[in-house]
Amino acid sequence: MFAIVDIAGQQFNVEENKKYFVPKLAAEKDSEVNFDKVLIYSDGKSTKIGNPTVEGINVTAKVIDHLKDDKVLIFKKKRRKSYRRLKGHRQQLSRIEVTKIG
């Protein structure tokens, strides 16, 4: 059983009892979150494709933790002009565990 869910503008292929890193959610740690934008749902025998979403199907997940991703470096340079800039950032993430699809 799997579902393709839209979480914060990104699509994730999720299964029950698995953990995923998603963009930071506005939910507290150890709280339940429901996602109702299910694009595709499959129970192993039949598949439902939404137009744009599948009605009546929700994905429930538990927020495990909020953390930061690895640092991403952005380097800009213009040759022969003595111009170099180095910037970086760490993306905010949430770790969730999908508890129920359906």
PDB file of N, CA and C in Angstrom:
ATOM      1  N   MET A   1       0.841  -1.167   0.000  1.00  0.00           N
ATOM      2  CA  MET A   1       0.000   0.000   0.000  1.00  0.00           C
ATOM      3  C   MET A   1       0.890   1.233   0.000  1.00  0.00           C
ATOM      4  N   PHE A   2       0.603   2.147  -0.933  1.00  0.00           N
ATOM      5  CA  PHE A   2       1.361   3.389  -0.988  1.00  0.00           C
ATOM      6  C   PHE A   2       0.457   4.513  -1.441  1.00  0.00           C
ATOM      7  N   ALA A   3       0.950   5.725  -1.286  1.00  0.00           N
ATOM      8  CA  ALA A   3       0.236   6.905  -1.749  1.00  0.00           C
ATOM      9  C   ALA A   3       1.254   7.960  -2.143  1.00  0.00           C
ATOM     10  N   ILE A   4       0.887   8.767  -3.119  1.00  0.00           N
ATOM     11  CA  ILE A   4       1.708   9.911  -3.487  1.00  0.00           C
ATOM     12  C   ILE A   4       0.998  11.143  -2.941  1.00  0.00           C
ATOM     13  N   VAL A   5       1.699  11.868  -2.048  1.00  0.00           N
ATOM     14  CA  VAL A   5       1.098  12.952  -1.282  1.00  0.00           C
ATOM     15  C   VAL A   5       1.829  14.256  -1.583  1.00  0.00           C
ATOM     16  N   ASP A   6       1.068  15.346  -1.638  1.00  0.00           N
ATOM     17  CA  ASP A   6       1.636  16.683  -1.795  1.00  0.00           C
ATOM     18  C   ASP A   6       1.833  17.277  -0.405  1.00  0.00           C
ATOM     19  N   ILE A   7       3.107  17.443  -0.013  1.00  0.00           N
ATOM     20  CA  ILE A   7       3.444  18.010   1.294  1.00  0.00           C
ATOM     21  C   ILE A   7       4.265  19.265   1.049  1.00  0.00           C
ATOM     22  N   ALA A   8       3.703  20.411   1.389  1.00  0.00           N
ATOM     23  CA  ALA A   8       4.369  21.715   1.260  1.00  0.00           C
ATOM     24  C   ALA A   8       4.874  21.959  -0.155  1.00  0.00           C
ATOM     25  N   GLY A   9       4.074  21.576  -1.162  1.00  0.00           N
ATOM     26  CA  GLY A   9       4.428  21.834  -2.547  1.00  0.00           C
ATOM     27  C   GLY A   9       5.334  20.797  -3.177  1.00  0.00           C
ATOM     28  N   GLN A  10       5.734  19.776  -2.437  1.00  0.00           N
ATOM     29  CA  GLN A  10       6.566  18.709  -2.971  1.00  0.00           C
ATOM     30  C   GLN A  10       5.796  17.392  -2.902  1.00  0.00           C
ATOM     31  N   GLN A  11       6.055  16.501  -3.864  1.00  0.00           N
ATOM     32  CA  GLN A  11       5.360  15.225  -3.909  1.00  0.00           C
ATOM     33  C   GLN A  11       6.244  14.132  -3.331  1.00  0.00           C
ATOM     34  N   PHE A  12       5.640  13.311  -2.445  1.00  0.00           N
ATOM     35  CA  PHE A  12       6.361  12.234  -1.795  1.00  0.00           C
ATOM     36  C   PHE A  12       5.601  10.930  -1.985  1.00  0.00           C
ATOM     37  N   ASN A  13       6.325   9.855  -2.285  1.00  0.00           N
ATOM     38  CA  ASN A  13       5.755   8.523  -2.373  1.00  0.00           C
ATOM     39  C   ASN A  13       5.902   7.898  -0.986  1.00  0.00           C
ATOM     40  N   VAL A  14       4.797   7.749  -0.244  1.00  0.00           N
ATOM     41  CA  VAL A  14       4.869   7.323   1.147  1.00  0.00           C
ATOM     42  C   VAL A  14       4.225   5.949   1.330  1.00  0.00           C
ATOM     43  N   GLU A  15       4.738   5.226   2.319  1.00  0.00           N
ATOM     44  CA  GLU A  15       4.199   3.941   2.733  1.00  0.00           C
ATOM     45  C   GLU A  15       4.043   3.965   4.245  1.00  0.00           C
ATOM     46  N   GLU A  16       3.196   3.070   4.765  1.00  0.00           N
ATOM     47  CA  GLU A  16       2.965   3.028   6.207  1.00  0.00           C
ATOM     48  C   GLU A  16       4.210   2.551   6.944  1.00  0.00           C
ATOM     49  N   ASN A  17       4.397   3.082   8.160  1.00  0.00           N
ATOM     50  CA  ASN A  17       5.484   2.716   9.075  1.00  0.00           C
ATOM     51  C   ASN A  17       6.869   3.016   8.519  1.00  0.00           C
ATOM     52  N   LYS A  18       6.982   3.992   7.634  1.00  0.00           N
ATOM     53  CA  LYS A  18       8.286   4.425   7.144  1.00  0.00           C
ATOM     54  C   LYS A  18       8.487   5.882   7.505  1.00  0.00           C
ATOM     55  N   LYS A  19       9.774   6.299   7.578  1.00  0.00           N
ATOM     56  CA  LYS A  19      10.123   7.650   7.992  1.00  0.00           C
ATOM     57  C   LYS A  19      10.640   8.444   6.800  1.00  0.00           C
ATOM     58  N   TYR A  20      10.299   9.750   6.794  1.00  0.00           N
ATOM     59  CA  TYR A  20      10.670  10.620   5.686  1.00  0.00           C
ATOM     60  C   TYR A  20      11.115  11.980   6.217  1.00  0.00           C
ATOM     61  N   PHE A  21      11.996  12.645   5.434  1.00  0.00           N
ATOM     62  CA  PHE A  21      12.371  14.030   5.686  1.00  0.00           C
ATOM     63  C   PHE A  21      11.550  14.901   4.744  1.00  0.00           C
ATOM     64  N   VAL A  22      10.817  15.855   5.294  1.00  0.00           N
ATOM     65  CA  VAL A  22       9.975  16.758   4.508  1.00  0.00           C
ATOM     66  C   VAL A  22      10.327  18.193   4.894  1.00  0.00           C
ATOM     67  N   PRO A  23       9.934  19.177   4.078  1.00  0.00           N
ATOM     68  CA  PRO A  23      10.154  20.575   4.487  1.00  0.00           C
ATOM     69  C   PRO A  23       9.485  20.853   5.828  1.00  0.00           C
ATOM     70  N   LYS A  24      10.049  21.787   6.572  1.00  0.00           N
ATOM     71  CA  LYS A  24       9.603  22.020   7.944  1.00  0.00           C
ATOM     72  C   LYS A  24       8.101  22.286   8.026  1.00  0.00           C
ATOM     73  N   LEU A  25       7.450  21.567   8.928  1.00  0.00           N
ATOM     74  CA  LEU A  25       6.014  21.693   9.142  1.00  0.00           C
ATOM     75  C   LEU A  25       5.749  22.559  10.365  1.00  0.00           C
ATOM     76  N   ALA A  26       4.602  23.241  10.358  1.00  0.00           N
ATOM     77  CA  ALA A  26       4.213  24.080  11.488  1.00  0.00           C
ATOM     78  C   ALA A  26       3.451  23.235  12.503  1.00  0.00           C
ATOM     79  N   ALA A  27       4.095  22.206  13.021  1.00  0.00           N
ATOM     80  CA  ALA A  27       3.491  21.314  14.008  1.00  0.00           C
ATOM     81  C   ALA A  27       4.520  21.025  15.091  1.00  0.00           C
ATOM     82  N   GLU A  28       4.033  20.770  16.273  1.00  0.00           N
ATOM     83  CA  GLU A  28       4.919  20.483  17.394  1.00  0.00           C
ATOM     84  C   GLU A  28       5.491  19.070  17.281  1.00  0.00           C
ATOM     85  N   LYS A  29       6.591  18.858  17.976  1.00  0.00           N
ATOM     86  CA  LYS A  29       7.203  17.538  18.030  1.00  0.00           C
ATOM     87  C   LYS A  29       6.252  16.561  18.730  1.00  0.00           C
ATOM     88  N   ASP A  30       6.195  15.318  18.271  1.00  0.00           N
ATOM     89  CA  ASP A  30       5.334  14.247  18.787  1.00  0.00           C
ATOM     90  C   ASP A  30       3.848  14.526  18.588  1.00  0.00           C
ATOM     91  N   SER A  31       3.493  15.321  17.586  1.00  0.00           N
ATOM     92  CA  SER A  31       2.080  15.575  17.296  1.00  0.00           C
ATOM     93  C   SER A  31       1.690  14.875  15.995  1.00  0.00           C
ATOM     94  N   GLU A  32       0.391  14.700  15.808  1.00  0.00           N
ATOM     95  CA  GLU A  32      -0.139  14.052  14.617  1.00  0.00           C
ATOM     96  C   GLU A  32      -0.447  15.111  13.550  1.00  0.00           C
ATOM     97  N   VAL A  33      -0.173  14.768  12.293  1.00  0.00           N
ATOM     98  CA  VAL A  33      -0.420  15.655  11.165  1.00  0.00           C
ATOM     99  C   VAL A  33      -1.198  14.875  10.110  1.00  0.00           C
ATOM    100  N   ASN A  34      -2.221  15.502   9.516  1.00  0.00           N
ATOM    101  CA  ASN A  34      -2.995  14.886   8.450  1.00  0.00           C
ATOM    102  C   ASN A  34      -2.696  15.584   7.135  1.00  0.00           C
ATOM    103  N   PHE A  35      -2.502  14.793   6.079  1.00  0.00           N
ATOM    104  CA  PHE A  35      -2.300  15.317   4.734  1.00  0.00           C
ATOM    105  C   PHE A  35      -3.469  14.837   3.882  1.00  0.00           C
ATOM    106  N   ASP A  36      -4.217  15.794   3.316  1.00  0.00           N
ATOM    107  CA  ASP A  36      -5.389  15.411   2.534  1.00  0.00           C
ATOM    108  C   ASP A  36      -5.191  15.573   1.032  1.00  0.00           C
ATOM    109  N   LYS A  37      -4.050  16.070   0.611  1.00  0.00           N
ATOM    110  CA  LYS A  37      -3.771  16.200  -0.817  1.00  0.00           C
ATOM    111  C   LYS A  37      -3.097  14.926  -1.332  1.00  0.00           C
ATOM    112  N   VAL A  38      -3.891  13.872  -1.453  1.00  0.00           N
ATOM    113  CA  VAL A  38      -3.393  12.587  -1.952  1.00  0.00           C
ATOM    114  C   VAL A  38      -3.630  12.551  -3.453  1.00  0.00           C
ATOM    115  N   LEU A  39      -2.558  12.409  -4.238  1.00  0.00           N
ATOM    116  CA  LEU A  39      -2.661  12.445  -5.691  1.00  0.00           C
ATOM    117  C   LEU A  39      -2.930  11.064  -6.272  1.00  0.00           C
ATOM    118  N   ILE A  40      -2.282  10.028  -5.726  1.00  0.00           N
ATOM    119  CA  ILE A  40      -2.479   8.645  -6.160  1.00  0.00           C
ATOM    120  C   ILE A  40      -2.523   7.766  -4.919  1.00  0.00           C
ATOM    121  N   TYR A  41      -3.454   6.802  -4.920  1.00  0.00           N
ATOM    122  CA  TYR A  41      -3.572   5.861  -3.806  1.00  0.00           C
ATOM    123  C   TYR A  41      -3.659   4.455  -4.376  1.00  0.00           C
ATOM    124  N   SER A  42      -2.879   3.536  -3.823  1.00  0.00           N
ATOM    125  CA  SER A  42      -2.916   2.150  -4.260  1.00  0.00           C
ATOM    126  C   SER A  42      -2.908   1.246  -3.036  1.00  0.00           C
ATOM    127  N   ASP A  43      -3.819   0.252  -3.032  1.00  0.00           N
ATOM    128  CA  ASP A  43      -3.872  -0.699  -1.927  1.00  0.00           C
ATOM    129  C   ASP A  43      -3.297  -2.055  -2.312  1.00  0.00           C
ATOM    130  N   GLY A  44      -2.631  -2.147  -3.450  1.00  0.00           N
ATOM    131  CA  GLY A  44      -2.039  -3.403  -3.886  1.00  0.00           C
ATOM    132  C   GLY A  44      -2.879  -4.102  -4.937  1.00  0.00           C
ATOM    133  N   LYS A  45      -4.178  -3.914  -4.911  1.00  0.00           N
ATOM    134  CA  LYS A  45      -5.069  -4.552  -5.881  1.00  0.00           C
ATOM    135  C   LYS A  45      -5.600  -3.555  -6.897  1.00  0.00           C
ATOM    136  N   SER A  46      -5.952  -2.362  -6.434  1.00  0.00           N
ATOM    137  CA  SER A  46      -6.466  -1.345  -7.333  1.00  0.00           C
ATOM    138  C   SER A  46      -5.770  -0.020  -7.049  1.00  0.00           C
ATOM    139  N   THR A  47      -5.776   0.833  -8.053  1.00  0.00           N
ATOM    140  CA  THR A  47      -5.138   2.135  -7.941  1.00  0.00           C
ATOM    141  C   THR A  47      -6.156   3.217  -8.251  1.00  0.00           C
ATOM    142  N   LYS A  48      -6.173   4.255  -7.404  1.00  0.00           N
ATOM    143  CA  LYS A  48      -7.046   5.402  -7.624  1.00  0.00           C
ATOM    144  C   LYS A  48      -6.179   6.606  -7.951  1.00  0.00           C
ATOM    145  N   ILE A  49      -6.507   7.259  -9.066  1.00  0.00           N
ATOM    146  CA  ILE A  49      -5.771   8.445  -9.496  1.00  0.00           C
ATOM    147  C   ILE A  49      -6.684   9.648  -9.330  1.00  0.00           C
ATOM    148  N   GLY A  50      -6.209  10.666  -8.641  1.00  0.00           N
ATOM    149  CA  GLY A  50      -7.018  11.844  -8.367  1.00  0.00           C
ATOM    150  C   GLY A  50      -7.077  12.810  -9.525  1.00  0.00           C
ATOM    151  N   ASN A  51      -8.112  13.650  -9.483  1.00  0.00           N
ATOM    152  CA  ASN A  51      -8.262  14.675 -10.505  1.00  0.00           C
ATOM    153  C   ASN A  51      -8.661  15.980  -9.831  1.00  0.00           C
ATOM    154  N   PRO A  52      -7.856  16.749  -9.174  1.00  0.00           N
ATOM    155  CA  PRO A  52      -6.418  16.564  -8.939  1.00  0.00           C
ATOM    156  C   PRO A  52      -6.100  15.711  -7.708  1.00  0.00           C
ATOM    157  N   THR A  53      -7.055  15.531  -6.769  1.00  0.00           N
ATOM    158  CA  THR A  53      -6.774  14.720  -5.585  1.00  0.00           C
ATOM    159  C   THR A  53      -7.808  13.612  -5.452  1.00  0.00           C
ATOM    160  N   VAL A  54      -7.446  12.591  -4.680  1.00  0.00           N
ATOM    161  CA  VAL A  54      -8.353  11.480  -4.407  1.00  0.00           C
ATOM    162  C   VAL A  54      -9.225  11.868  -3.213  1.00  0.00           C
ATOM    163  N   GLU A  55     -10.535  11.771  -3.368  1.00  0.00           N
ATOM    164  CA  GLU A  55     -11.469  12.149  -2.306  1.00  0.00           C
ATOM    165  C   GLU A  55     -11.566  11.041  -1.260  1.00  0.00           C
ATOM    166  N   GLY A  56     -11.646  11.431   0.010  1.00  0.00           N
ATOM    167  CA  GLY A  56     -11.869  10.480   1.092  1.00  0.00           C
ATOM    168  C   GLY A  56     -10.640   9.743   1.582  1.00  0.00           C
ATOM    169  N   ILE A  57      -9.469  10.046   1.068  1.00  0.00           N
ATOM    170  CA  ILE A  57      -8.236   9.381   1.497  1.00  0.00           C
ATOM    171  C   ILE A  57      -7.367  10.412   2.207  1.00  0.00           C
ATOM    172  N   ASN A  58      -6.915  10.080   3.419  1.00  0.00           N
ATOM    173  CA  ASN A  58      -6.014  10.920   4.196  1.00  0.00           C
ATOM    174  C   ASN A  58      -4.766  10.130   4.558  1.00  0.00           C
ATOM    175  N   VAL A  59      -3.681  10.832   4.746  1.00  0.00           N
ATOM    176  CA  VAL A  59      -2.445  10.232   5.239  1.00  0.00           C
ATOM    177  C   VAL A  59      -2.162  10.863   6.593  1.00  0.00           C
ATOM    178  N   THR A  60      -2.029  10.019   7.620  1.00  0.00           N
ATOM    179  CA  THR A  60      -1.745  10.487   8.975  1.00  0.00           C
ATOM    180  C   THR A  60      -0.290  10.181   9.296  1.00  0.00           C
ATOM    181  N   ALA A  61       0.397  11.179   9.842  1.00  0.00           N
ATOM    182  CA  ALA A  61       1.817  11.017  10.174  1.00  0.00           C
ATOM    183  C   ALA A  61       2.095  11.625  11.540  1.00  0.00           C
ATOM    184  N   LYS A  62       3.165  11.154  12.147  1.00  0.00           N
ATOM    185  CA  LYS A  62       3.609  11.668  13.436  1.00  0.00           C
ATOM    186  C   LYS A  62       4.912  12.425  13.223  1.00  0.00           C
ATOM    187  N   VAL A  63       4.999  13.640  13.764  1.00  0.00           N
ATOM    188  CA  VAL A  63       6.220  14.441  13.660  1.00  0.00           C
ATOM    189  C   VAL A  63       7.210  13.939  14.702  1.00  0.00           C
ATOM    190  N   ILE A  64       8.344  13.446  14.240  1.00  0.00           N
ATOM    191  CA  ILE A  64       9.353  12.899  15.148  1.00  0.00           C
ATOM    192  C   ILE A  64      10.300  13.983  15.643  1.00  0.00           C
ATOM    193  N   ASP A  65      10.765  14.833  14.708  1.00  0.00           N
ATOM    194  CA  ASP A  65      11.773  15.816  15.095  1.00  0.00           C
ATOM    195  C   ASP A  65      11.839  16.924  14.046  1.00  0.00           C
ATOM    196  N   HIS A  66      12.378  18.079  14.448  1.00  0.00           N
ATOM    197  CA  HIS A  66      12.701  19.180  13.543  1.00  0.00           C
ATOM    198  C   HIS A  66      14.213  19.328  13.550  1.00  0.00           C
ATOM    199  N   LEU A  67      14.819  19.435  12.379  1.00  0.00           N
ATOM    200  CA  LEU A  67      16.277  19.519  12.292  1.00  0.00           C
ATOM    201  C   LEU A  67      16.684  20.279  11.047  1.00  0.00           C
ATOM    202  N   LYS A  68      17.991  20.406  10.848  1.00  0.00           N
ATOM    203  CA  LYS A  68      18.532  21.093   9.687  1.00  0.00           C
ATOM    204  C   LYS A  68      19.269  20.099   8.799  1.00  0.00           C
ATOM    205  N   ASP A  69      19.210  20.352   7.491  1.00  0.00           N
ATOM    206  CA  ASP A  69      19.891  19.520   6.511  1.00  0.00           C
ATOM    207  C   ASP A  69      21.379  19.892   6.475  1.00  0.00           C
ATOM    208  N   ASP A  70      22.145  19.197   5.658  1.00  0.00           N
ATOM    209  CA  ASP A  70      23.546  19.526   5.481  1.00  0.00           C
ATOM    210  C   ASP A  70      23.687  20.902   4.830  1.00  0.00           C
ATOM    211  N   LYS A  71      24.830  21.537   5.038  1.00  0.00           N
ATOM    212  CA  LYS A  71      25.049  22.871   4.519  1.00  0.00           C
ATOM    213  C   LYS A  71      25.238  22.837   2.997  1.00  0.00           C
ATOM    214  N   VAL A  72      24.575  23.780   2.331  1.00  0.00           N
ATOM    215  CA  VAL A  72      24.698  23.947   0.889  1.00  0.00           C
ATOM    216  C   VAL A  72      25.478  25.234   0.644  1.00  0.00           C
ATOM    217  N   LEU A  73      26.566  25.148  -0.126  1.00  0.00           N
ATOM    218  CA  LEU A  73      27.404  26.304  -0.399  1.00  0.00           C
ATOM    219  C   LEU A  73      27.089  26.877  -1.771  1.00  0.00           C
ATOM    220  N   ILE A  74      26.994  28.204  -1.843  1.00  0.00           N
ATOM    221  CA  ILE A  74      26.762  28.907  -3.093  1.00  0.00           C
ATOM    222  C   ILE A  74      27.984  29.776  -3.344  1.00  0.00           C
ATOM    223  N   PHE A  75      28.671  29.525  -4.454  1.00  0.00           N
ATOM    224  CA  PHE A  75      29.893  30.251  -4.776  1.00  0.00           C
ATOM    225  C   PHE A  75      29.695  30.990  -6.092  1.00  0.00           C
ATOM    226  N   LYS A  76      29.966  32.302  -6.076  1.00  0.00           N
ATOM    227  CA  LYS A  76      29.849  33.122  -7.274  1.00  0.00           C
ATOM    228  C   LYS A  76      31.227  33.700  -7.587  1.00  0.00           C
ATOM    229  N   LYS A  77      31.551  33.741  -8.879  1.00  0.00           N
ATOM    230  CA  LYS A  77      32.845  34.279  -9.285  1.00  0.00           C
ATOM    231  C   LYS A  77      32.738  34.871 -10.678  1.00  0.00           C
ATOM    232  N   LYS A  78      33.414  36.030 -10.866  1.00  0.00           N
ATOM    233  CA  LYS A  78      33.563  36.609 -12.196  1.00  0.00           C
ATOM    234  C   LYS A  78      35.057  36.650 -12.474  1.00  0.00           C
ATOM    235  N   ARG A  79      35.434  35.997 -13.529  1.00  0.00           N
ATOM    236  CA  ARG A  79      36.860  35.879 -13.803  1.00  0.00           C
ATOM    237  C   ARG A  79      37.480  37.226 -14.172  1.00  0.00           C
ATOM    238  N   ARG A  80      38.705  37.378 -13.749  1.00  0.00           N
ATOM    239  CA  ARG A  80      39.528  38.567 -14.013  1.00  0.00           C
ATOM    240  C   ARG A  80      38.956  39.849 -13.435  1.00  0.00           C
ATOM    241  N   LYS A  81      37.995  39.781 -12.550  1.00  0.00           N
ATOM    242  CA  LYS A  81      37.404  40.981 -11.966  1.00  0.00           C
ATOM    243  C   LYS A  81      37.578  41.038 -10.449  1.00  0.00           C
ATOM    244  N   SER A  82      38.255  40.064  -9.876  1.00  0.00           N
ATOM    245  CA  SER A  82      38.483  39.996  -8.442  1.00  0.00           C
ATOM    246  C   SER A  82      37.165  39.975  -7.662  1.00  0.00           C
ATOM    247  N   TYR A  83      36.190  39.229  -8.198  1.00  0.00           N
ATOM    248  CA  TYR A  83      34.879  39.123  -7.558  1.00  0.00           C
ATOM    249  C   TYR A  83      34.634  37.673  -7.171  1.00  0.00           C
ATOM    250  N   ARG A  84      34.546  37.442  -5.867  1.00  0.00           N
ATOM    251  CA  ARG A  84      34.226  36.101  -5.360  1.00  0.00           C
ATOM    252  C   ARG A  84      33.322  36.256  -4.148  1.00  0.00           C
ATOM    253  N   ARG A  85      32.260  35.480  -4.087  1.00  0.00           N
ATOM    254  CA  ARG A  85      31.336  35.479  -2.950  1.00  0.00           C
ATOM    255  C   ARG A  85      31.010  34.039  -2.587  1.00  0.00           C
ATOM    256  N   LEU A  86      31.048  33.764  -1.301  1.00  0.00           N
ATOM    257  CA  LEU A  86      30.707  32.438  -0.805  1.00  0.00           C
ATOM    258  C   LEU A  86      29.618  32.589   0.245  1.00  0.00           C
ATOM    259  N   LYS A  87      28.488  32.003  -0.024  1.00  0.00           N
ATOM    260  CA  LYS A  87      27.380  32.014   0.921  1.00  0.00           C
ATOM    261  C   LYS A  87      26.901  30.585   1.094  1.00  0.00           C
ATOM    262  N   GLY A  88      26.158  30.360   2.158  1.00  0.00           N
ATOM    263  CA  GLY A  88      25.613  29.032   2.380  1.00  0.00           C
ATOM    264  C   GLY A  88      24.403  29.090   3.284  1.00  0.00           C
ATOM    265  N   HIS A  89      23.662  28.000   3.305  1.00  0.00           N
ATOM    266  CA  HIS A  89      22.516  27.904   4.200  1.00  0.00           C
ATOM    267  C   HIS A  89      22.236  26.434   4.505  1.00  0.00           C
ATOM    268  N   ARG A  90      21.454  26.224   5.545  1.00  0.00           N
ATOM    269  CA  ARG A  90      21.023  24.880   5.930  1.00  0.00           C
ATOM    270  C   ARG A  90      19.499  24.864   5.900  1.00  0.00           C
ATOM    271  N   GLN A  91      18.930  23.958   5.119  1.00  0.00           N
ATOM    272  CA  GLN A  91      17.487  23.887   4.956  1.00  0.00           C
ATOM    273  C   GLN A  91      16.834  23.307   6.211  1.00  0.00           C
ATOM    274  N   GLN A  92      15.702  23.881   6.620  1.00  0.00           N
ATOM    275  CA  GLN A  92      14.950  23.391   7.774  1.00  0.00           C
ATOM    276  C   GLN A  92      14.102  22.189   7.337  1.00  0.00           C
ATOM    277  N   LEU A  93      14.171  21.091   8.085  1.00  0.00           N
ATOM    278  CA  LEU A  93      13.438  19.869   7.754  1.00  0.00           C
ATOM    279  C   LEU A  93      12.656  19.365   8.958  1.00  0.00           C
ATOM    280  N   SER A  94      11.661  18.551   8.668  1.00  0.00           N
ATOM    281  CA  SER A  94      10.937  17.817   9.701  1.00  0.00           C
ATOM    282  C   SER A  94      11.035  16.341   9.351  1.00  0.00           C
ATOM    283  N   ARG A  95      11.216  15.515  10.358  1.00  0.00           N
ATOM    284  CA  ARG A  95      11.242  14.061  10.154  1.00  0.00           C
ATOM    285  C   ARG A  95       9.889  13.534  10.605  1.00  0.00           C
ATOM    286  N   ILE A  96       9.197  12.832   9.696  1.00  0.00           N
ATOM    287  CA  ILE A  96       7.870  12.305  10.026  1.00  0.00           C
ATOM    288  C   ILE A  96       7.852  10.792   9.840  1.00  0.00           C
ATOM    289  N   GLU A  97       6.937  10.151  10.534  1.00  0.00           N
ATOM    290  CA  GLU A  97       6.692   8.713  10.350  1.00  0.00           C
ATOM    291  C   GLU A  97       5.232   8.552   9.973  1.00  0.00           C
ATOM    292  N   VAL A  98       4.980   7.943   8.815  1.00  0.00           N
ATOM    293  CA  VAL A  98       3.614   7.744   8.344  1.00  0.00           C
ATOM    294  C   VAL A  98       2.997   6.601   9.148  1.00  0.00           C
ATOM    295  N   THR A  99       1.877   6.885   9.820  1.00  0.00           N
ATOM    296  CA  THR A  99       1.240   5.876  10.650  1.00  0.00           C
ATOM    297  C   THR A  99       0.044   5.220   9.989  1.00  0.00           C
ATOM    298  N   LYS A 100      -0.679   5.964   9.143  1.00  0.00           N
ATOM    299  CA  LYS A 100      -1.892   5.402   8.541  1.00  0.00           C
ATOM    300  C   LYS A 100      -2.157   6.038   7.185  1.00  0.00           C
ATOM    301  N   ILE A 101      -2.527   5.199   6.216  1.00  0.00           N
ATOM    302  CA  ILE A 101      -2.961   5.665   4.907  1.00  0.00           C
ATOM    303  C   ILE A 101      -4.382   5.139   4.697  1.00  0.00           C
ATOM    304  N   GLY A 102      -5.309   6.035   4.439  1.00  0.00           N
ATOM    305  CA  GLY A 102      -6.668   5.552   4.189  1.00  0.00           C
ATOM    306  C   GLY A 102      -7.715   6.485   4.763  1.00  0.00           C
TER     307      GLY A 102
END
